Amino acid sequence: MTKAKLGSIGLSFLVLALLVVWMATGDVKEARDEAPEDTPEESVSAPSVQVDVLRTRLYEPGLMLQGQLEPWRTVSVGARVAGTVEELMVEQGDQVEAGDVLLRLSEDGRRTSVEQWQSRIRKLEADLSAAQKLRSRNLTSESEVLTLQSDLSAARAELTQARLAVDNLEPRAPFDGTVNRRDVDLGDLVQVGSPLLELVRVDRLKATGQIPQQSVSAVEEGQAVTIRTLDGDSLEGVVNFVASAADPDTRSFPVEVSIDNPERKRVAGGSATLRIALPEVEAMFISPAYLSLGDDGRPGVRYVGDNNEVVFTTVKLLNVTTDGAWVTGLPDEIRLITRGAGFVSIGQQVRPVDRDSDRG
């Protein structure tokens, strides 16, 4: 027997021996009649987002307007009679009370005219009395009595005008105020209607502005107003007038605000910002960073709903600053998505992680 045949026989015995050992150990898998059950695929976990629980609070919104501050009352005192300025009782900046004499004009015979008409009236009264007695005895005509009565009425009217002219020689302050400007000096000759001085009342002011037509329904008389001047000072007032019809040029509604100014701050004539306090509402304070735009271009907020789904709700902006925005239109409590909102879509299931616990 050759060496090749002996090698083949030896290899065969080796394979047979290994097969016997394998079968002896029982490591044999029998074929099954039924196919094995499919192994379930490993479920994909929902993405996590960081959330912060926010709740609504009472908030007093405000309507912001640009306005103009004015004295509560302004009057230009003018001459009612012609004459020369003989005496000045006030200077610019003086405080006056209603009824105070401001200056005196020359008399120019006006008091004499009063005395003449007084004398004329006394004579006519005597003549009329005598004529009435004669008429009672039918010794004079009714026409003569009527003529005397007419003359007497005319004389009394003239006396009233003469006395008024004398009173107008001394113009008086129509209200408590401040002499803001004086237009005449001693010796000036003035005519009827010539301006003498300007009187203003600044212990009380009024602010005027324009309310947009979409906001006028929220403003009523009596609402509180905060007025901030350009120098940063602030005053308090109330709405005392809202126009019933819009300005045809601007389509906005004029509003007037009354303001107490007991310190007589020099702000009349300047511009100011008006904040009209509106009724309190339930609102939520949110950082502007968490506001986004919906498909319709309206601002809204993304948060996690009750079923851990991403929800987007549009909101109404009440007030926006660099610190945050007051908004309405959201539920009383939400889980605001503060991180990860850009990686999830609306309606998608997410795993919310509280921001505070994430920090810990």
Protein backbone atom coordinates (compact mmCIF):
# COMPACT_ATOMS: atom_id res chain seq x y z
CA MET A 1 0.00 0.00 0.00
CA THR A 2 1.36 3.31 -0.95
CA LYS A 3 1.87 6.28 1.37
CA ALA A 4 -0.85 8.31 -0.48
CA LYS A 5 -3.51 5.74 0.21
CA LEU A 6 -2.50 5.51 3.84
CA GLY A 7 -2.84 9.34 4.16
CA SER A 8 -6.38 9.34 2.70
CA ILE A 9 -7.52 6.55 5.00
CA GLY A 10 -6.11 8.41 8.01
CA LEU A 11 -7.91 11.65 7.10
CA SER A 12 -11.18 9.80 6.71
CA PHE A 13 -10.87 8.20 10.16
CA LEU A 14 -10.14 11.68 11.66
CA VAL A 15 -13.28 13.27 10.15
CA LEU A 16 -15.37 10.30 11.27
CA ALA A 17 -14.03 10.58 14.81
CA LEU A 18 -14.89 14.29 15.00
CA LEU A 19 -18.43 13.60 13.74
CA VAL A 20 -18.97 10.96 16.40
CA VAL A 21 -17.76 13.31 19.14
CA TRP A 22 -20.06 16.13 17.90
CA MET A 23 -23.09 13.86 17.85
CA ALA A 24 -22.20 12.50 21.28
CA THR A 25 -22.24 15.92 22.87
CA GLY A 26 -25.84 16.55 21.67
CA ASP A 27 -25.01 19.76 19.87
CA VAL A 28 -27.35 18.92 17.05
CA LYS A 29 -30.22 21.19 15.99
CA GLU A 30 -33.21 19.44 14.53
CA ALA A 31 -35.22 21.10 11.77
CA ARG A 32 -38.51 22.57 13.00
CA ASP A 33 -41.85 22.21 11.32
CA GLU A 34 -42.70 25.91 11.89
CA ALA A 35 -40.65 28.96 10.96
CA PRO A 36 -39.25 30.92 13.92
CA GLU A 37 -41.11 34.08 14.99
CA ASP A 38 -39.80 37.33 13.61
CA THR A 39 -37.61 39.24 16.02
CA PRO A 40 -39.30 42.65 16.77
CA GLU A 41 -37.38 45.62 15.52
CA GLU A 42 -35.89 47.84 18.18
CA SER A 43 -38.23 50.83 18.66
CA VAL A 44 -36.82 54.26 17.81
CA SER A 45 -36.77 56.53 20.91
CA ALA A 46 -38.52 59.97 20.75
CA PRO A 47 -36.19 62.98 20.61
CA SER A 48 -35.80 64.92 23.82
CA VAL A 49 -36.45 68.65 24.17
CA GLN A 50 -35.80 70.96 27.07
CA VAL A 51 -38.91 72.58 28.54
CA ASP A 52 -39.75 75.20 31.11
CA VAL A 53 -43.16 75.36 32.80
CA LEU A 54 -44.79 78.79 32.43
CA ARG A 55 -48.09 80.01 33.86
CA THR A 56 -50.31 82.98 33.06
CA ARG A 57 -50.45 85.98 35.38
CA LEU A 58 -52.58 89.08 35.69
CA TYR A 59 -51.12 91.80 33.52
CA GLU A 60 -52.22 95.38 32.90
CA PRO A 61 -51.56 96.09 29.23
CA GLY A 62 -51.03 99.62 27.99
CA LEU A 63 -51.65 101.51 24.77
CA MET A 64 -48.60 103.57 23.82
CA LEU A 65 -49.14 106.89 22.02
CA GLN A 66 -47.02 109.87 21.07
CA GLY A 67 -48.63 113.04 22.41
CA GLN A 68 -48.26 116.74 22.97
CA LEU A 69 -48.37 118.47 26.36
CA GLU A 70 -50.29 121.74 26.60
CA PRO A 71 -51.36 124.14 29.37
CA TRP A 72 -54.79 123.36 30.73
CA ARG A 73 -55.91 126.85 29.74
CA THR A 74 -54.30 129.50 27.58
CA VAL A 75 -55.70 132.95 26.86
CA SER A 76 -54.38 136.01 25.12
CA VAL A 77 -55.74 139.02 27.00
CA GLY A 78 -56.54 141.73 24.47
CA ALA A 79 -57.57 145.37 24.71
CA ARG A 80 -61.32 145.97 24.56
CA VAL A 81 -60.92 149.73 24.36
CA ALA A 82 -58.30 151.98 22.80
CA GLY A 83 -55.92 153.81 25.08
CA THR A 84 -52.40 154.27 26.40
CA VAL A 85 -50.81 151.86 28.88
CA GLU A 86 -50.49 153.91 32.07
CA GLU A 87 -49.66 151.21 34.63
CA LEU A 88 -48.44 147.60 34.62
CA MET A 89 -49.37 145.45 37.61
CA VAL A 90 -47.64 142.22 36.55
CA GLU A 91 -44.42 141.01 34.99
CA GLN A 92 -43.68 137.90 32.96
CA GLY A 93 -43.66 134.81 35.17
CA ASP A 94 -45.89 136.33 37.88
CA GLN A 95 -48.61 134.17 39.43
CA VAL A 96 -52.04 135.79 39.38
CA GLU A 97 -55.47 134.88 40.68
CA ALA A 98 -58.78 135.20 38.91
CA GLY A 99 -59.95 138.83 39.08
CA ASP A 100 -56.53 140.41 39.61
CA VAL A 101 -55.97 143.66 37.67
CA LEU A 102 -53.22 143.13 35.09
CA LEU A 103 -52.68 146.70 33.81
CA ARG A 104 -54.42 150.06 33.48
CA LEU A 105 -55.19 152.06 30.32
CA SER A 106 -55.74 155.80 30.06
CA GLU A 107 -59.22 157.03 30.95
CA ASP A 108 -59.59 159.49 28.04
CA GLY A 109 -62.82 161.02 29.38
CA ARG A 110 -64.70 157.78 29.79
CA ARG A 111 -65.67 158.42 33.41
CA THR A 112 -67.07 161.79 32.42
CA SER A 113 -69.22 160.02 29.83
CA VAL A 114 -70.63 157.82 32.59
CA GLU A 115 -71.59 160.85 34.65
CA GLN A 116 -73.23 162.50 31.65
CA TRP A 117 -75.42 159.51 30.91
CA GLN A 118 -76.35 159.23 34.56
CA SER A 119 -77.56 162.83 34.49
CA ARG A 120 -79.41 162.24 31.24
CA ILE A 121 -81.22 159.27 32.73
CA ARG A 122 -82.28 161.19 35.84
CA LYS A 123 -83.80 163.94 33.66
CA LEU A 124 -85.63 161.45 31.43
CA GLU A 125 -86.99 159.62 34.43
CA ALA A 126 -88.38 162.91 35.80
CA ASP A 127 -89.85 163.88 32.43
CA LEU A 128 -91.46 160.46 32.05
CA SER A 129 -92.97 160.60 35.52
CA ALA A 130 -94.50 164.03 34.80
CA ALA A 131 -95.82 162.93 31.41
CA GLN A 132 -97.48 159.85 32.92
CA LYS A 133 -99.29 162.04 35.48
CA LEU A 134 -100.48 164.35 32.73
CA ARG A 135 -101.58 161.40 30.66
CA SER A 136 -103.66 160.11 33.54
CA ARG A 137 -105.61 163.39 33.36
CA ASN A 138 -105.62 163.21 29.57
CA LEU A 139 -103.46 166.35 29.35
CA THR A 140 -100.79 164.81 27.09
CA SER A 141 -100.70 162.28 24.31
CA GLU A 142 -99.79 158.63 24.57
CA SER A 143 -97.17 159.19 21.87
CA GLU A 144 -95.22 161.63 24.06
CA VAL A 145 -95.13 159.11 26.91
CA LEU A 146 -93.88 156.38 24.57
CA THR A 147 -91.18 158.66 23.19
CA LEU A 148 -89.87 159.43 26.67
CA GLN A 149 -89.84 155.72 27.53
CA SER A 150 -87.85 154.98 24.40
CA ASP A 151 -85.35 157.73 25.14
CA LEU A 152 -84.92 156.47 28.68
CA SER A 153 -84.22 152.91 27.50
CA ALA A 154 -81.62 154.17 25.02
CA ALA A 155 -79.92 156.29 27.69
CA ARG A 156 -79.72 153.35 30.06
CA ALA A 157 -78.11 151.25 27.31
CA GLU A 158 -75.57 154.01 26.69
CA LEU A 159 -74.78 154.18 30.40
CA THR A 160 -74.15 150.42 30.44
CA GLN A 161 -71.72 150.76 27.54
CA ALA A 162 -69.95 153.71 29.20
CA ARG A 163 -69.53 151.80 32.43
CA LEU A 164 -68.23 148.74 30.54
CA ALA A 165 -65.67 150.94 28.78
CA VAL A 166 -64.45 152.17 32.17
CA ASP A 167 -64.21 148.60 33.46
CA ASN A 168 -62.21 147.60 30.38
CA LEU A 169 -59.58 150.17 31.27
CA GLU A 170 -58.35 147.62 33.81
CA PRO A 171 -58.15 144.12 32.22
CA ARG A 172 -58.40 141.37 34.82
CA ALA A 173 -57.17 137.77 34.96
CA PRO A 174 -59.95 135.40 33.85
CA PHE A 175 -58.49 132.49 35.90
CA ASP A 176 -55.65 131.58 38.23
CA GLY A 177 -52.50 131.28 36.18
CA THR A 178 -49.08 132.50 35.17
CA VAL A 179 -48.18 135.46 33.00
CA ASN A 180 -46.41 133.65 30.18
CA ARG A 181 -45.82 136.66 27.92
CA ARG A 182 -46.31 140.43 28.02
CA ASP A 183 -46.86 142.20 24.73
CA VAL A 184 -46.94 145.88 25.88
CA ASP A 185 -44.87 148.32 27.89
CA LEU A 186 -45.67 151.57 29.67
CA GLY A 187 -46.74 154.28 27.29
CA ASP A 188 -47.73 151.96 24.45
CA LEU A 189 -50.82 152.99 22.51
CA VAL A 190 -53.18 150.08 21.95
CA GLN A 191 -56.27 149.66 19.82
CA VAL A 192 -59.30 147.46 20.32
CA GLY A 193 -58.12 143.84 19.91
CA SER A 194 -54.43 144.55 20.47
CA PRO A 195 -52.76 141.71 22.48
CA LEU A 196 -51.72 142.79 25.96
CA LEU A 197 -50.36 139.62 27.55
CA GLU A 198 -50.72 135.81 27.55
CA LEU A 199 -51.96 133.96 30.59
CA VAL A 200 -51.55 130.19 31.04
CA ARG A 201 -52.62 127.67 33.64
CA VAL A 202 -49.93 125.02 34.16
CA ASP A 203 -50.75 123.60 37.60
CA ARG A 204 -52.92 121.37 35.49
CA LEU A 205 -52.01 120.20 31.99
CA LYS A 206 -53.61 118.35 29.14
CA ALA A 207 -52.02 115.90 26.75
CA THR A 208 -53.39 115.26 23.30
CA GLY A 209 -52.77 112.30 21.01
CA GLN A 210 -54.25 110.10 18.30
CA ILE A 211 -55.63 106.59 18.94
CA PRO A 212 -55.43 104.13 16.02
CA GLN A 213 -58.86 103.00 14.89
CA GLN A 214 -58.12 99.36 15.74
CA SER A 215 -57.45 100.30 19.39
CA VAL A 216 -60.04 102.99 20.13
CA SER A 217 -62.63 100.50 21.41
CA ALA A 218 -60.35 99.70 24.37
CA VAL A 219 -60.10 103.32 25.58
CA GLU A 220 -62.72 105.05 27.73
CA GLU A 221 -62.94 108.18 29.81
CA GLY A 222 -61.51 107.77 33.29
CA GLN A 223 -58.72 105.33 32.39
CA ALA A 224 -55.36 106.01 34.05
CA VAL A 225 -52.52 107.37 31.93
CA THR A 226 -48.79 107.58 32.59
CA ILE A 227 -47.02 110.42 30.77
CA ARG A 228 -43.27 110.27 30.23
CA THR A 229 -41.48 113.40 29.03
CA LEU A 230 -38.36 113.51 26.91
CA ASP A 231 -36.16 114.19 29.95
CA GLY A 232 -37.36 110.97 31.59
CA ASP A 233 -39.74 112.61 34.07
CA SER A 234 -43.20 111.13 34.52
CA LEU A 235 -46.65 112.47 35.36
CA GLU A 236 -49.99 110.82 36.05
CA GLY A 237 -53.31 111.66 34.41
CA VAL A 238 -56.68 110.31 33.30
CA VAL A 239 -58.47 110.19 29.97
CA ASN A 240 -61.14 112.91 29.94
CA PHE A 241 -62.15 112.88 26.27
CA VAL A 242 -62.19 110.43 23.35
CA ALA A 243 -63.51 111.66 20.02
CA SER A 244 -66.60 109.95 18.65
CA ALA A 245 -65.43 110.31 15.04
CA ALA A 246 -62.01 109.75 13.48
CA ASP A 247 -59.89 112.48 11.97
CA PRO A 248 -60.56 112.19 8.21
CA ASP A 249 -56.89 112.80 7.39
CA THR A 250 -55.30 110.28 9.78
CA ARG A 251 -58.22 107.87 10.36
CA SER A 252 -57.37 108.00 14.06
CA PHE A 253 -59.34 109.28 17.04
CA PRO A 254 -58.21 112.36 19.02
CA VAL A 255 -57.85 111.79 22.77
CA GLU A 256 -57.31 114.27 25.59
CA VAL A 257 -55.77 113.51 28.98
CA SER A 258 -55.97 115.73 32.06
CA ILE A 259 -52.81 115.86 34.19
CA ASP A 260 -52.19 117.32 37.64
CA ASN A 261 -48.98 119.39 37.77
CA PRO A 262 -48.92 120.91 41.26
CA GLU A 263 -45.18 121.60 41.03
CA ARG A 264 -45.75 123.58 37.80
CA LYS A 265 -43.08 121.65 35.94
CA ARG A 266 -42.05 123.38 32.74
CA VAL A 267 -43.18 120.69 30.31
CA ALA A 268 -46.11 122.38 28.56
CA GLY A 269 -45.57 122.64 24.85
CA GLY A 270 -43.27 119.62 24.67
CA SER A 271 -43.86 116.14 23.32
CA ALA A 272 -44.33 113.08 25.52
CA THR A 273 -45.13 109.38 25.45
CA LEU A 274 -48.56 108.40 26.77
CA ARG A 275 -49.33 104.97 28.19
CA ILE A 276 -53.04 104.42 28.61
CA ALA A 277 -53.72 101.62 31.10
CA LEU A 278 -56.10 99.00 29.69
CA PRO A 279 -58.17 96.46 31.71
CA GLU A 280 -56.18 93.62 33.30
CA VAL A 281 -55.96 90.33 31.40
CA GLU A 282 -54.47 86.87 31.95
CA ALA A 283 -51.17 86.90 30.05
CA MET A 284 -47.82 85.10 29.94
CA PHE A 285 -44.34 86.63 29.97
CA ILE A 286 -42.03 84.97 27.43
CA SER A 287 -38.55 85.76 26.19
CA PRO A 288 -38.66 87.08 22.60
CA ALA A 289 -36.15 84.34 21.72
CA TYR A 290 -38.92 81.74 22.05
CA LEU A 291 -41.31 83.49 19.67
CA SER A 292 -41.52 82.23 16.11
CA LEU A 293 -43.66 82.87 13.05
CA GLY A 294 -46.34 80.53 11.79
CA ASP A 295 -47.10 79.74 8.17
CA ASP A 296 -49.44 82.73 8.06
CA GLY A 297 -46.72 85.06 9.35
CA ARG A 298 -48.33 85.51 12.77
CA PRO A 299 -46.19 85.17 15.91
CA GLY A 300 -46.61 82.09 18.04
CA VAL A 301 -45.04 79.76 20.60
CA ARG A 302 -43.95 76.11 20.44
CA TYR A 303 -44.60 73.99 23.52
CA VAL A 304 -45.22 70.36 24.53
CA GLY A 305 -48.89 69.39 24.77
CA ASP A 306 -50.64 66.90 27.07
CA ASN A 307 -49.73 63.94 24.80
CA ASN A 308 -46.08 64.99 24.59
CA GLU A 309 -46.65 66.29 21.10
CA VAL A 310 -45.15 69.51 19.80
CA VAL A 311 -47.86 72.20 19.63
CA PHE A 312 -47.70 75.62 17.95
CA THR A 313 -50.19 78.31 19.02
CA THR A 314 -50.40 81.84 17.68
CA VAL A 315 -50.41 84.62 20.26
CA LYS A 316 -51.37 88.26 20.55
CA LEU A 317 -48.53 90.55 21.57
CA LEU A 318 -49.51 92.97 24.32
CA ASN A 319 -46.09 94.47 25.01
CA VAL A 320 -42.62 93.64 23.70
CA THR A 321 -39.33 94.80 25.19
CA THR A 322 -35.77 93.52 25.09
CA ASP A 323 -36.45 91.66 28.37
CA GLY A 324 -39.53 89.79 27.20
CA ALA A 325 -42.98 89.87 25.70
CA TRP A 326 -46.41 89.74 27.34
CA VAL A 327 -48.70 87.59 25.21
CA THR A 328 -52.23 86.18 25.32
CA GLY A 329 -53.83 83.23 23.55
CA LEU A 330 -52.01 80.41 25.38
CA PRO A 331 -53.37 77.90 27.94
CA ASP A 332 -53.04 78.78 31.61
CA GLU A 333 -49.96 76.55 31.88
CA ILE A 334 -47.58 75.32 29.18
CA ARG A 335 -44.32 73.40 28.89
CA LEU A 336 -42.41 75.85 26.74
CA ILE A 337 -39.72 74.32 24.52
CA THR A 338 -36.56 76.22 25.43
CA ARG A 339 -34.06 73.99 23.58
CA GLY A 340 -34.43 71.71 20.61
CA ALA A 341 -37.45 73.38 19.00
CA GLY A 342 -35.59 73.69 15.70
CA PHE A 343 -35.06 69.92 15.45
CA VAL A 344 -38.66 68.80 15.92
CA SER A 345 -41.81 69.35 13.90
CA ILE A 346 -45.32 70.26 14.95
CA GLY A 347 -47.26 67.16 16.01
CA GLN A 348 -44.14 65.09 16.60
CA GLN A 349 -43.88 63.00 19.77
CA VAL A 350 -41.04 64.20 22.01
CA ARG A 351 -39.56 63.44 25.39
CA PRO A 352 -39.73 66.63 27.50
CA VAL A 353 -36.88 67.24 29.93
CA ASP A 354 -37.39 69.89 32.60
CA ARG A 355 -34.83 72.64 32.32
CA ASP A 356 -34.17 72.75 36.07
CA SER A 357 -33.54 68.99 36.29
CA ASP A 358 -31.31 69.19 33.23
CA ARG A 359 -29.21 71.80 34.98
CA GLY A 360 -28.88 69.59 38.03
